[in-house]
Amino acid sequence: MIDAQMDLTHSIIEYRRHLKRRNFSTHTLINYMSSIKLFIMWLKVPVQEVTFNHVSAYIDHLLDKRMHPQSINSNLYRIRGFYDFLHYEKGMPIKNPVRERCGLRLPKPLPKCLRNRDVDKFFDIIHKVRDFAMFKIMLRCGLRLDETANLTKGAVDLEQQQLIVFNGKGKKDRVAYISNDAKAALVRYLKKRSSSRYKKIFLVEKGTHKGKPISVHGIKKRMEYYAKKSGVKLSCHHLRHTMATQMLNADTDLVTIQTLLGHSRITTTERYSKVHNAKAKRDYFRAMHFIAEKPDHKSRSTSGYRNFFTKERRDQVSRNFGMMDIDT
């Protein structure tokens, strides 16, 4: 029993090293290890004896705990990866109990974006220079929450009005551009920003952590404060969704939006075209106008036809071709 536990512990440690060699982020490693730990702690049989029935029972267990379906699917994906490692890398003669596509069906909600008046309402109540610049950058550059927290002075080129996102989602770098109003807000903040040895732009301005980089949690708390104060229901990610939707409504190409947001697949970006596509709206009302006008057009055309082919003209045509009068 002790040997089996030691072997399992050794396998988990090796799996963690395997993921680290694949250059997974620290956050991803923690999530993987947590999912595997919770699953093993729940099991009442050895790992190598787990069947699909056990996995199904585990899904029910997670549902009873009111875990979100997306989180359940993520757990199943990580557990399946662990069993693949045991089979292909460790050579253990076991069948993966987590079948492909055994996850829960997920709803496909549309991205939530803000109306223009809500954007104005939100920014109108922000009087703190740092916070105004921080959220304006998120809105205009489409930055994620952690990308904003990790933004450094060296990554920003105000003269060229662009910035570089280093180690974004999937450890990918990308270039984002800074609009005129975002640039003005950032310049205003940098003039008031206290001198600090830290390279990150946005710093804590009071308390025991004054002068240190603001954390992801800190930015979230500021967003919650302003959302409540303005009466606008939003999160940091809503600003990113809003940027994408606004660009789409300005007839920006989907591939351009995909590049700016750092999406791996164009299908992710295409979701925004279902939210509020101004072009689709224009096409719809243009078509409806044509359809609504068509009966009148047809009526006028028929009337013109009858006015042209009068009784006298039909008689004349009949005489010319040696035909009898054709009654219409």
C-alpha atoms as a PDB file:
ATOM      1  CA  MET A   1       0.000   0.000   0.000  1.00  0.00           C
ATOM      2  CA  ILE A   2       2.804   2.375   0.955  1.00  0.00           C
ATOM      3  CA  ASP A   3       4.750   1.462  -2.186  1.00  0.00           C
ATOM      4  CA  ALA A   4       1.677   2.142  -4.334  1.00  0.00           C
ATOM      5  CA  GLN A   5       1.203   5.560  -2.709  1.00  0.00           C
ATOM      6  CA  MET A   6       4.852   6.424  -3.209  1.00  0.00           C
ATOM      7  CA  ASP A   7       4.653   5.352  -6.860  1.00  0.00           C
ATOM      8  CA  LEU A   8       1.538   7.484  -7.369  1.00  0.00           C
ATOM      9  CA  THR A   9       3.165  10.480  -5.713  1.00  0.00           C
ATOM     10  CA  HIS A  10       6.233  10.008  -7.900  1.00  0.00           C
ATOM     11  CA  SER A  11       4.006   9.839 -11.017  1.00  0.00           C
ATOM     12  CA  ILE A  12       2.259  13.087 -10.078  1.00  0.00           C
ATOM     13  CA  ILE A  13       5.604  14.823  -9.534  1.00  0.00           C
ATOM     14  CA  GLU A  14       6.838  13.550 -12.908  1.00  0.00           C
ATOM     15  CA  TYR A  15       3.625  14.707 -14.569  1.00  0.00           C
ATOM     16  CA  ARG A  16       4.169  18.177 -13.138  1.00  0.00           C
ATOM     17  CA  ARG A  17       7.679  18.194 -14.597  1.00  0.00           C
ATOM     18  CA  HIS A  18       6.232  17.029 -17.911  1.00  0.00           C
ATOM     19  CA  LEU A  19       3.819  19.985 -17.961  1.00  0.00           C
ATOM     20  CA  LYS A  20       6.578  22.373 -16.983  1.00  0.00           C
ATOM     21  CA  ARG A  21       8.702  21.147 -19.901  1.00  0.00           C
ATOM     22  CA  ARG A  22       5.772  22.037 -22.138  1.00  0.00           C
ATOM     23  CA  ASN A  23       6.172  25.612 -20.884  1.00  0.00           C
ATOM     24  CA  PHE A  24       2.833  25.802 -19.090  1.00  0.00           C
ATOM     25  CA  SER A  25       2.381  28.882 -16.927  1.00  0.00           C
ATOM     26  CA  THR A  26       2.514  28.675 -13.132  1.00  0.00           C
ATOM     27  CA  HIS A  27      -1.227  29.383 -12.981  1.00  0.00           C
ATOM     28  CA  THR A  28      -1.943  26.478 -15.357  1.00  0.00           C
ATOM     29  CA  LEU A  29       0.295  24.122 -13.388  1.00  0.00           C
ATOM     30  CA  ILE A  30      -1.559  24.945 -10.174  1.00  0.00           C
ATOM     31  CA  ASN A  31      -4.909  24.264 -11.829  1.00  0.00           C
ATOM     32  CA  TYR A  32      -3.741  20.911 -13.237  1.00  0.00           C
ATOM     33  CA  MET A  33      -2.294  19.720  -9.944  1.00  0.00           C
ATOM     34  CA  SER A  34      -5.369  20.853  -8.023  1.00  0.00           C
ATOM     35  CA  SER A  35      -7.742  18.969 -10.360  1.00  0.00           C
ATOM     36  CA  ILE A  36      -5.724  15.746 -10.108  1.00  0.00           C
ATOM     37  CA  LYS A  37      -5.360  16.037  -6.318  1.00  0.00           C
ATOM     38  CA  LEU A  38      -9.114  16.527  -5.780  1.00  0.00           C
ATOM     39  CA  PHE A  39      -9.923  13.577  -8.053  1.00  0.00           C
ATOM     40  CA  ILE A  40      -7.484  11.214  -6.334  1.00  0.00           C
ATOM     41  CA  MET A  41      -8.697  12.263  -2.888  1.00  0.00           C
ATOM     42  CA  TRP A  42     -12.280  11.490  -3.939  1.00  0.00           C
ATOM     43  CA  LEU A  43     -11.410   8.056  -5.346  1.00  0.00           C
ATOM     44  CA  LYS A  44     -11.994   4.945  -3.262  1.00  0.00           C
ATOM     45  CA  VAL A  45     -10.097   2.670  -5.659  1.00  0.00           C
ATOM     46  CA  PRO A  46      -6.502   2.749  -6.962  1.00  0.00           C
ATOM     47  CA  VAL A  47      -5.863   5.080  -9.884  1.00  0.00           C
ATOM     48  CA  GLN A  48      -5.160   2.200 -12.263  1.00  0.00           C
ATOM     49  CA  GLU A  49      -8.548   0.593 -11.499  1.00  0.00           C
ATOM     50  CA  VAL A  50     -10.677   3.627 -12.326  1.00  0.00           C
ATOM     51  CA  THR A  51     -13.377   3.056 -14.957  1.00  0.00           C
ATOM     52  CA  PHE A  52     -15.736   5.321 -16.852  1.00  0.00           C
ATOM     53  CA  ASN A  53     -18.389   4.588 -14.222  1.00  0.00           C
ATOM     54  CA  HIS A  54     -16.149   6.130 -11.590  1.00  0.00           C
ATOM     55  CA  VAL A  55     -15.656   9.188 -13.799  1.00  0.00           C
ATOM     56  CA  SER A  56     -19.426   9.512 -14.281  1.00  0.00           C
ATOM     57  CA  ALA A  57     -19.920   9.322 -10.513  1.00  0.00           C
ATOM     58  CA  TYR A  58     -17.263  12.012 -10.083  1.00  0.00           C
ATOM     59  CA  ILE A  59     -19.125  14.272 -12.523  1.00  0.00           C
ATOM     60  CA  ASP A  60     -22.284  13.810 -10.428  1.00  0.00           C
ATOM     61  CA  HIS A  61     -20.260  14.631  -7.308  1.00  0.00           C
ATOM     62  CA  LEU A  62     -19.037  17.899  -8.835  1.00  0.00           C
ATOM     63  CA  LEU A  63     -22.547  18.789  -9.997  1.00  0.00           C
ATOM     64  CA  ASP A  64     -23.839  18.226  -6.471  1.00  0.00           C
ATOM     65  CA  LYS A  65     -21.211  20.689  -5.284  1.00  0.00           C
ATOM     66  CA  ARG A  66     -22.670  23.192  -7.798  1.00  0.00           C
ATOM     67  CA  MET A  67     -19.459  23.436  -9.786  1.00  0.00           C
ATOM     68  CA  HIS A  68     -19.885  25.289 -13.075  1.00  0.00           C
ATOM     69  CA  PRO A  69     -20.124  22.979 -16.127  1.00  0.00           C
ATOM     70  CA  GLN A  70     -17.148  24.718 -17.741  1.00  0.00           C
ATOM     71  CA  SER A  71     -15.057  24.025 -14.623  1.00  0.00           C
ATOM     72  CA  ILE A  72     -16.170  20.390 -14.610  1.00  0.00           C
ATOM     73  CA  ASN A  73     -15.091  19.988 -18.229  1.00  0.00           C
ATOM     74  CA  SER A  74     -11.748  21.596 -17.435  1.00  0.00           C
ATOM     75  CA  ASN A  75     -11.248  19.107 -14.599  1.00  0.00           C
ATOM     76  CA  LEU A  76     -12.065  16.180 -16.888  1.00  0.00           C
ATOM     77  CA  TYR A  77      -9.640  17.482 -19.514  1.00  0.00           C
ATOM     78  CA  ARG A  78      -6.814  17.646 -16.962  1.00  0.00           C
ATOM     79  CA  ILE A  79      -7.563  14.192 -15.540  1.00  0.00           C
ATOM     80  CA  ARG A  80      -7.615  12.740 -19.056  1.00  0.00           C
ATOM     81  CA  GLY A  81      -4.223  14.338 -19.683  1.00  0.00           C
ATOM     82  CA  PHE A  82      -2.857  12.704 -16.545  1.00  0.00           C
ATOM     83  CA  TYR A  83      -4.025   9.245 -17.651  1.00  0.00           C
ATOM     84  CA  ASP A  84      -2.549   9.798 -21.117  1.00  0.00           C
ATOM     85  CA  PHE A  85       0.749  10.576 -19.419  1.00  0.00           C
ATOM     86  CA  LEU A  86       0.595   7.388 -17.316  1.00  0.00           C
ATOM     87  CA  HIS A  87      -0.140   5.293 -20.403  1.00  0.00           C
ATOM     88  CA  TYR A  88       2.081   6.816 -23.091  1.00  0.00           C
ATOM     89  CA  GLU A  89       4.931   8.281 -21.043  1.00  0.00           C
ATOM     90  CA  LYS A  90       5.093   5.869 -18.083  1.00  0.00           C
ATOM     91  CA  GLY A  91       4.049   2.800 -20.061  1.00  0.00           C
ATOM     92  CA  MET A  92       1.341   1.737 -17.628  1.00  0.00           C
ATOM     93  CA  PRO A  93      -1.087  -0.780 -19.197  1.00  0.00           C
ATOM     94  CA  ILE A  94      -4.234   1.182 -18.352  1.00  0.00           C
ATOM     95  CA  LYS A  95      -7.109   2.467 -20.442  1.00  0.00           C
ATOM     96  CA  ASN A  96      -8.009   6.112 -20.106  1.00  0.00           C
ATOM     97  CA  PRO A  97     -11.292   6.168 -18.129  1.00  0.00           C
ATOM     98  CA  VAL A  98     -12.101   9.717 -19.260  1.00  0.00           C
ATOM     99  CA  ARG A  99     -13.643   9.190 -22.656  1.00  0.00           C
ATOM    100  CA  GLU A 100     -13.420  11.783 -25.375  1.00  0.00           C
ATOM    101  CA  ARG A 101     -16.388  14.149 -25.443  1.00  0.00           C
ATOM    102  CA  CYS A 102     -17.734  12.895 -22.141  1.00  0.00           C
ATOM    103  CA  GLY A 103     -17.946  16.450 -20.845  1.00  0.00           C
ATOM    104  CA  LEU A 104     -21.106  18.405 -20.203  1.00  0.00           C
ATOM    105  CA  ARG A 105     -22.878  20.358 -22.907  1.00  0.00           C
ATOM    106  CA  LEU A 106     -22.208  24.041 -22.444  1.00  0.00           C
ATOM    107  CA  PRO A 107     -24.323  27.062 -23.287  1.00  0.00           C
ATOM    108  CA  LYS A 108     -22.796  29.465 -25.787  1.00  0.00           C
ATOM    109  CA  PRO A 109     -23.533  32.923 -24.411  1.00  0.00           C
ATOM    110  CA  LEU A 110     -22.689  35.919 -26.542  1.00  0.00           C
ATOM    111  CA  PRO A 111     -19.922  38.267 -25.370  1.00  0.00           C
ATOM    112  CA  LYS A 112     -21.332  41.026 -23.168  1.00  0.00           C
ATOM    113  CA  CYS A 113     -20.441  44.519 -24.289  1.00  0.00           C
ATOM    114  CA  LEU A 114     -21.424  47.960 -23.032  1.00  0.00           C
ATOM    115  CA  ARG A 115     -23.634  50.472 -24.763  1.00  0.00           C
ATOM    116  CA  ASN A 116     -21.946  53.773 -25.558  1.00  0.00           C
ATOM    117  CA  ARG A 117     -23.969  55.641 -22.921  1.00  0.00           C
ATOM    118  CA  ASP A 118     -22.908  53.082 -20.300  1.00  0.00           C
ATOM    119  CA  VAL A 119     -19.253  53.540 -21.268  1.00  0.00           C
ATOM    120  CA  ASP A 120     -19.626  57.312 -20.804  1.00  0.00           C
ATOM    121  CA  LYS A 121     -21.503  56.835 -17.529  1.00  0.00           C
ATOM    122  CA  PHE A 122     -18.755  54.560 -16.206  1.00  0.00           C
ATOM    123  CA  PHE A 123     -15.831  56.845 -17.067  1.00  0.00           C
ATOM    124  CA  ASP A 124     -17.643  60.005 -15.929  1.00  0.00           C
ATOM    125  CA  ILE A 125     -17.440  58.929 -12.280  1.00  0.00           C
ATOM    126  CA  ILE A 126     -13.732  57.967 -12.352  1.00  0.00           C
ATOM    127  CA  HIS A 127     -11.742  60.919 -11.049  1.00  0.00           C
ATOM    128  CA  LYS A 128      -8.615  59.056 -10.000  1.00  0.00           C
ATOM    129  CA  VAL A 129      -6.005  59.574 -12.718  1.00  0.00           C
ATOM    130  CA  ARG A 130      -4.470  56.112 -12.348  1.00  0.00           C
ATOM    131  CA  ASP A 131      -7.784  54.287 -12.526  1.00  0.00           C
ATOM    132  CA  PHE A 132      -9.011  56.346 -15.473  1.00  0.00           C
ATOM    133  CA  ALA A 133      -5.838  55.540 -17.438  1.00  0.00           C
ATOM    134  CA  MET A 134      -5.909  51.885 -16.391  1.00  0.00           C
ATOM    135  CA  PHE A 135      -9.471  51.228 -17.556  1.00  0.00           C
ATOM    136  CA  LYS A 136      -9.125  53.405 -20.655  1.00  0.00           C
ATOM    137  CA  ILE A 137      -6.136  51.292 -21.727  1.00  0.00           C
ATOM    138  CA  MET A 138      -8.179  48.132 -21.187  1.00  0.00           C
ATOM    139  CA  LEU A 139     -11.020  49.539 -23.288  1.00  0.00           C
ATOM    140  CA  ARG A 140      -9.003  50.967 -26.178  1.00  0.00           C
ATOM    141  CA  CYS A 141      -6.228  48.350 -26.359  1.00  0.00           C
ATOM    142  CA  GLY A 142      -8.354  45.279 -25.567  1.00  0.00           C
ATOM    143  CA  LEU A 143      -6.028  44.156 -22.774  1.00  0.00           C
ATOM    144  CA  ARG A 144      -6.938  41.334 -20.432  1.00  0.00           C
ATOM    145  CA  LEU A 145      -6.890  41.893 -16.678  1.00  0.00           C
ATOM    146  CA  ASP A 146      -3.513  40.246 -16.021  1.00  0.00           C
ATOM    147  CA  GLU A 147      -2.030  41.888 -19.137  1.00  0.00           C
ATOM    148  CA  THR A 148      -2.945  45.289 -17.711  1.00  0.00           C
ATOM    149  CA  ALA A 149      -1.459  44.461 -14.301  1.00  0.00           C
ATOM    150  CA  ASN A 150       1.787  43.269 -15.921  1.00  0.00           C
ATOM    151  CA  LEU A 151       2.142  46.182 -18.366  1.00  0.00           C
ATOM    152  CA  THR A 152       5.608  47.773 -18.058  1.00  0.00           C
ATOM    153  CA  LYS A 153       6.988  51.152 -19.057  1.00  0.00           C
ATOM    154  CA  GLY A 154       9.390  49.459 -21.456  1.00  0.00           C
ATOM    155  CA  ALA A 155       6.511  47.842 -23.332  1.00  0.00           C
ATOM    156  CA  VAL A 156       4.866  51.184 -24.142  1.00  0.00           C
ATOM    157  CA  ASP A 157       5.919  53.415 -27.051  1.00  0.00           C
ATOM    158  CA  LEU A 158       3.886  56.604 -26.754  1.00  0.00           C
ATOM    159  CA  GLU A 159       5.512  58.190 -29.795  1.00  0.00           C
ATOM    160  CA  GLN A 160       4.387  55.319 -32.043  1.00  0.00           C
ATOM    161  CA  GLN A 161       1.176  54.930 -30.006  1.00  0.00           C
ATOM    162  CA  GLN A 162       1.618  51.218 -29.497  1.00  0.00           C
ATOM    163  CA  LEU A 163       2.463  48.743 -26.782  1.00  0.00           C
ATOM    164  CA  ILE A 164       3.682  45.157 -26.662  1.00  0.00           C
ATOM    165  CA  VAL A 165       1.883  42.543 -24.609  1.00  0.00           C
ATOM    166  CA  PHE A 166       4.541  40.122 -23.392  1.00  0.00           C
ATOM    167  CA  ASN A 167       3.566  36.586 -22.375  1.00  0.00           C
ATOM    168  CA  GLY A 168      -0.131  37.033 -22.992  1.00  0.00           C
ATOM    169  CA  LYS A 169      -2.577  34.150 -22.977  1.00  0.00           C
ATOM    170  CA  GLY A 170      -0.843  31.029 -24.268  1.00  0.00           C
ATOM    171  CA  LYS A 171       2.518  32.758 -23.607  1.00  0.00           C
ATOM    172  CA  LYS A 172       2.129  34.708 -26.857  1.00  0.00           C
ATOM    173  CA  ASP A 173       3.358  38.234 -27.489  1.00  0.00           C
ATOM    174  CA  ARG A 174       1.329  40.700 -29.532  1.00  0.00           C
ATOM    175  CA  VAL A 175       1.245  44.373 -30.469  1.00  0.00           C
ATOM    176  CA  ALA A 176      -1.675  46.588 -29.460  1.00  0.00           C
ATOM    177  CA  TYR A 177      -2.236  50.212 -30.431  1.00  0.00           C
ATOM    178  CA  ILE A 178      -3.030  53.183 -28.204  1.00  0.00           C
ATOM    179  CA  SER A 179      -5.807  55.563 -29.244  1.00  0.00           C
ATOM    180  CA  ASN A 180      -5.461  59.319 -28.766  1.00  0.00           C
ATOM    181  CA  ASP A 181      -7.735  59.449 -25.704  1.00  0.00           C
ATOM    182  CA  ALA A 182      -5.970  56.463 -24.105  1.00  0.00           C
ATOM    183  CA  LYS A 183      -2.593  58.073 -24.778  1.00  0.00           C
ATOM    184  CA  ALA A 184      -3.724  61.331 -23.164  1.00  0.00           C
ATOM    185  CA  ALA A 185      -4.977  59.466 -20.095  1.00  0.00           C
ATOM    186  CA  LEU A 186      -1.746  57.473 -19.788  1.00  0.00           C
ATOM    187  CA  VAL A 187       0.477  60.562 -20.180  1.00  0.00           C
ATOM    188  CA  ARG A 188      -1.542  62.353 -17.501  1.00  0.00           C
ATOM    189  CA  TYR A 189      -1.032  59.421 -15.124  1.00  0.00           C
ATOM    190  CA  LEU A 190       2.694  58.991 -15.846  1.00  0.00           C
ATOM    191  CA  LYS A 191       3.269  62.658 -14.959  1.00  0.00           C
ATOM    192  CA  LYS A 192       1.697  62.089 -11.532  1.00  0.00           C
ATOM    193  CA  ARG A 193       3.050  58.564 -11.006  1.00  0.00           C
ATOM    194  CA  SER A 194       5.479  58.327  -8.102  1.00  0.00           C
ATOM    195  CA  SER A 195       9.037  57.360  -8.925  1.00  0.00           C
ATOM    196  CA  SER A 196       9.572  53.671  -8.292  1.00  0.00           C
ATOM    197  CA  ARG A 197      12.131  50.980  -8.965  1.00  0.00           C
ATOM    198  CA  TYR A 198       9.321  48.775 -10.275  1.00  0.00           C
ATOM    199  CA  LYS A 199       8.961  48.526 -14.039  1.00  0.00           C
ATOM    200  CA  LYS A 200       5.229  47.910 -14.016  1.00  0.00           C
ATOM    201  CA  ILE A 201       3.226  51.022 -14.852  1.00  0.00           C
ATOM    202  CA  PHE A 202       0.255  50.893 -12.510  1.00  0.00           C
ATOM    203  CA  LEU A 203       1.190  51.165  -8.834  1.00  0.00           C
ATOM    204  CA  VAL A 204      -0.642  51.076  -5.505  1.00  0.00           C
ATOM    205  CA  GLU A 205      -1.139  54.653  -4.305  1.00  0.00           C
ATOM    206  CA  LYS A 206      -1.839  54.231  -0.592  1.00  0.00           C
ATOM    207  CA  GLY A 207      -1.573  51.787   2.284  1.00  0.00           C
ATOM    208  CA  THR A 208       1.234  49.461   3.300  1.00  0.00           C
ATOM    209  CA  HIS A 209       1.855  48.451  -0.326  1.00  0.00           C
ATOM    210  CA  LYS A 210       2.147  52.007  -1.620  1.00  0.00           C
ATOM    211  CA  GLY A 211       4.559  52.258  -4.543  1.00  0.00           C
ATOM    212  CA  LYS A 212       4.329  48.557  -5.395  1.00  0.00           C
ATOM    213  CA  PRO A 213       2.649  47.226  -8.575  1.00  0.00           C
ATOM    214  CA  ILE A 214      -1.105  46.896  -8.272  1.00  0.00           C
ATOM    215  CA  SER A 215      -2.253  43.266  -8.347  1.00  0.00           C
ATOM    216  CA  VAL A 216      -4.925  41.606 -10.454  1.00  0.00           C
ATOM    217  CA  HIS A 217      -7.091  41.442  -7.342  1.00  0.00           C
ATOM    218  CA  GLY A 218      -6.504  45.148  -6.730  1.00  0.00           C
ATOM    219  CA  ILE A 219      -7.701  46.072 -10.234  1.00  0.00           C
ATOM    220  CA  LYS A 220     -10.767  43.854  -9.770  1.00  0.00           C
ATOM    221  CA  LYS A 221     -11.662  45.641  -6.551  1.00  0.00           C
ATOM    222  CA  ARG A 222     -11.371  49.042  -8.248  1.00  0.00           C
ATOM    223  CA  MET A 223     -13.642  47.822 -11.057  1.00  0.00           C
ATOM    224  CA  GLU A 224     -16.219  46.561  -8.546  1.00  0.00           C
ATOM    225  CA  TYR A 225     -16.127  49.908  -6.756  1.00  0.00           C
ATOM    226  CA  TYR A 226     -16.710  51.978  -9.893  1.00  0.00           C
ATOM    227  CA  ALA A 227     -19.315  49.576 -11.297  1.00  0.00           C
ATOM    228  CA  LYS A 228     -21.348  49.915  -8.109  1.00  0.00           C
ATOM    229  CA  LYS A 229     -20.888  53.683  -7.970  1.00  0.00           C
ATOM    230  CA  SER A 230     -21.883  54.208 -11.628  1.00  0.00           C
ATOM    231  CA  GLY A 231     -24.733  51.708 -11.580  1.00  0.00           C
ATOM    232  CA  VAL A 232     -23.301  49.997 -14.662  1.00  0.00           C
ATOM    233  CA  LYS A 233     -23.078  46.209 -14.472  1.00  0.00           C
ATOM    234  CA  LEU A 234     -19.680  45.277 -15.896  1.00  0.00           C
ATOM    235  CA  SER A 235     -16.351  43.562 -15.316  1.00  0.00           C
ATOM    236  CA  CYS A 236     -12.856  44.194 -16.627  1.00  0.00           C
ATOM    237  CA  HIS A 237     -13.397  41.695 -19.442  1.00  0.00           C
ATOM    238  CA  HIS A 238     -16.515  43.576 -20.573  1.00  0.00           C
ATOM    239  CA  LEU A 239     -14.225  46.441 -21.586  1.00  0.00           C
ATOM    240  CA  ARG A 240     -12.345  44.067 -23.893  1.00  0.00           C
ATOM    241  CA  HIS A 241     -15.618  42.797 -25.370  1.00  0.00           C
ATOM    242  CA  THR A 242     -16.763  46.388 -25.879  1.00  0.00           C
ATOM    243  CA  MET A 243     -13.581  47.308 -27.744  1.00  0.00           C
ATOM    244  CA  ALA A 244     -14.045  44.380 -30.143  1.00  0.00           C
ATOM    245  CA  THR A 245     -17.719  45.169 -30.773  1.00  0.00           C
ATOM    246  CA  GLN A 246     -17.051  48.867 -31.351  1.00  0.00           C
ATOM    247  CA  MET A 247     -14.330  48.058 -33.879  1.00  0.00           C
ATOM    248  CA  LEU A 248     -16.595  45.595 -35.666  1.00  0.00           C
ATOM    249  CA  ASN A 249     -19.330  48.221 -35.914  1.00  0.00           C
ATOM    250  CA  ALA A 250     -16.759  50.572 -37.434  1.00  0.00           C
ATOM    251  CA  ASP A 251     -16.403  47.990 -40.261  1.00  0.00           C
ATOM    252  CA  THR A 252     -13.015  46.734 -39.054  1.00  0.00           C
ATOM    253  CA  ASP A 253     -11.964  43.432 -40.605  1.00  0.00           C
ATOM    254  CA  LEU A 254     -12.396  40.382 -38.350  1.00  0.00           C
ATOM    255  CA  VAL A 255      -8.798  39.283 -38.938  1.00  0.00           C
ATOM    256  CA  THR A 256      -7.580  42.661 -37.674  1.00  0.00           C
ATOM    257  CA  ILE A 257      -9.685  42.351 -34.515  1.00  0.00           C
ATOM    258  CA  GLN A 258      -8.401  38.788 -34.029  1.00  0.00           C
ATOM    259  CA  THR A 259      -4.805  40.043 -34.224  1.00  0.00           C
ATOM    260  CA  LEU A 260      -5.385  42.912 -31.794  1.00  0.00           C
ATOM    261  CA  LEU A 261      -7.141  40.712 -29.234  1.00  0.00           C
ATOM    262  CA  GLY A 262      -4.662  37.850 -29.568  1.00  0.00           C
ATOM    263  CA  HIS A 263      -7.230  35.181 -30.384  1.00  0.00           C
ATOM    264  CA  SER A 264      -5.778  31.882 -31.594  1.00  0.00           C
ATOM    265  CA  ARG A 265      -8.861  31.044 -33.663  1.00  0.00           C
ATOM    266  CA  ILE A 266     -10.977  33.292 -35.858  1.00  0.00           C
ATOM    267  CA  THR A 267     -14.091  31.494 -34.583  1.00  0.00           C
ATOM    268  CA  THR A 268     -13.554  33.136 -31.187  1.00  0.00           C
ATOM    269  CA  THR A 269     -13.544  36.570 -32.818  1.00  0.00           C
ATOM    270  CA  GLU A 270     -16.580  35.754 -34.970  1.00  0.00           C
ATOM    271  CA  ARG A 271     -18.735  35.609 -31.827  1.00  0.00           C
ATOM    272  CA  TYR A 272     -18.656  39.391 -31.692  1.00  0.00           C
ATOM    273  CA  SER A 273     -20.406  39.596 -35.067  1.00  0.00           C
ATOM    274  CA  LYS A 274     -23.480  38.056 -33.391  1.00  0.00           C
ATOM    275  CA  VAL A 275     -23.749  40.679 -30.661  1.00  0.00           C
ATOM    276  CA  HIS A 276     -24.408  43.976 -32.391  1.00  0.00           C
ATOM    277  CA  ASN A 277     -23.237  43.934 -35.967  1.00  0.00           C
ATOM    278  CA  ALA A 278     -23.952  47.369 -37.438  1.00  0.00           C
ATOM    279  CA  LYS A 279     -23.257  46.126 -40.957  1.00  0.00           C
ATOM    280  CA  ALA A 280     -25.751  43.277 -40.574  1.00  0.00           C
ATOM    281  CA  LYS A 281     -28.266  45.797 -39.229  1.00  0.00           C
ATOM    282  CA  ARG A 282     -27.764  48.095 -42.230  1.00  0.00           C
ATOM    283  CA  ASP A 283     -28.066  45.177 -44.655  1.00  0.00           C
ATOM    284  CA  TYR A 284     -31.247  43.991 -42.945  1.00  0.00           C
ATOM    285  CA  PHE A 285     -33.082  47.323 -43.105  1.00  0.00           C
ATOM    286  CA  ARG A 286     -31.913  47.916 -46.682  1.00  0.00           C
ATOM    287  CA  ALA A 287     -33.358  44.545 -47.654  1.00  0.00           C
ATOM    288  CA  MET A 288     -36.591  45.172 -45.714  1.00  0.00           C
ATOM    289  CA  HIS A 289     -36.994  48.522 -47.458  1.00  0.00           C
ATOM    290  CA  PHE A 290     -36.618  46.816 -50.831  1.00  0.00           C
ATOM    291  CA  ILE A 291     -39.040  44.014 -49.890  1.00  0.00           C
ATOM    292  CA  ALA A 292     -41.624  46.460 -48.565  1.00  0.00           C
ATOM    293  CA  GLU A 293     -41.433  48.544 -51.732  1.00  0.00           C
ATOM    294  CA  LYS A 294     -41.615  45.554 -54.095  1.00  0.00           C
ATOM    295  CA  PRO A 295     -45.443  45.089 -54.181  1.00  0.00           C
ATOM    296  CA  ASP A 296     -45.951  48.735 -55.159  1.00  0.00           C
ATOM    297  CA  HIS A 297     -43.264  48.340 -57.803  1.00  0.00           C
ATOM    298  CA  LYS A 298     -44.970  45.248 -59.176  1.00  0.00           C
ATOM    299  CA  SER A 299     -48.348  46.979 -59.176  1.00  0.00           C
ATOM    300  CA  ARG A 300     -46.914  49.959 -61.063  1.00  0.00           C
ATOM    301  CA  SER A 301     -45.247  47.632 -63.558  1.00  0.00           C
ATOM    302  CA  THR A 302     -48.477  45.726 -64.235  1.00  0.00           C
ATOM    303  CA  SER A 303     -50.377  48.953 -64.569  1.00  0.00           C
ATOM    304  CA  GLY A 304     -47.838  50.269 -67.065  1.00  0.00           C
ATOM    305  CA  TYR A 305     -48.110  47.056 -69.074  1.00  0.00           C
ATOM    306  CA  ARG A 306     -51.897  47.367 -69.323  1.00  0.00           C
ATOM    307  CA  ASN A 307     -51.702  51.066 -70.220  1.00  0.00           C
ATOM    308  CA  PHE A 308     -49.282  50.303 -73.060  1.00  0.00           C
ATOM    309  CA  PHE A 309     -51.228  47.370 -74.583  1.00  0.00           C
ATOM    310  CA  THR A 310     -54.525  49.153 -75.148  1.00  0.00           C
ATOM    311  CA  LYS A 311     -57.451  47.615 -77.153  1.00  0.00           C
ATOM    312  CA  GLU A 312     -56.445  49.541 -80.281  1.00  0.00           C
ATOM    313  CA  ARG A 313     -52.821  48.328 -80.124  1.00  0.00           C
ATOM    314  CA  ARG A 314     -53.894  44.712 -79.594  1.00  0.00           C
ATOM    315  CA  ASP A 315     -56.179  44.956 -82.650  1.00  0.00           C
ATOM    316  CA  GLN A 316     -53.350  46.406 -84.703  1.00  0.00           C
ATOM    317  CA  VAL A 317     -50.963  43.621 -83.672  1.00  0.00           C
ATOM    318  CA  SER A 318     -53.589  41.037 -84.560  1.00  0.00           C
ATOM    319  CA  ARG A 319     -54.098  42.527 -88.054  1.00  0.00           C
ATOM    320  CA  ASN A 320     -50.349  42.747 -88.711  1.00  0.00           C
ATOM    321  CA  PHE A 321     -49.808  39.075 -87.873  1.00  0.00           C
ATOM    322  CA  GLY A 322     -53.120  37.845 -89.285  1.00  0.00           C
ATOM    323  CA  MET A 323     -54.320  36.845 -85.859  1.00  0.00           C
ATOM    324  CA  MET A 324     -57.587  37.249 -84.043  1.00  0.00           C
ATOM    325  CA  ASP A 325     -57.896  39.648 -81.169  1.00  0.00           C
ATOM    326  CA  ILE A 326     -56.267  38.344 -78.033  1.00  0.00           C
ATOM    327  CA  ASP A 327     -58.230  39.174 -74.918  1.00  0.00           C
ATOM    328  CA  THR A 328     -56.193  39.543 -71.789  1.00  0.00           C
END
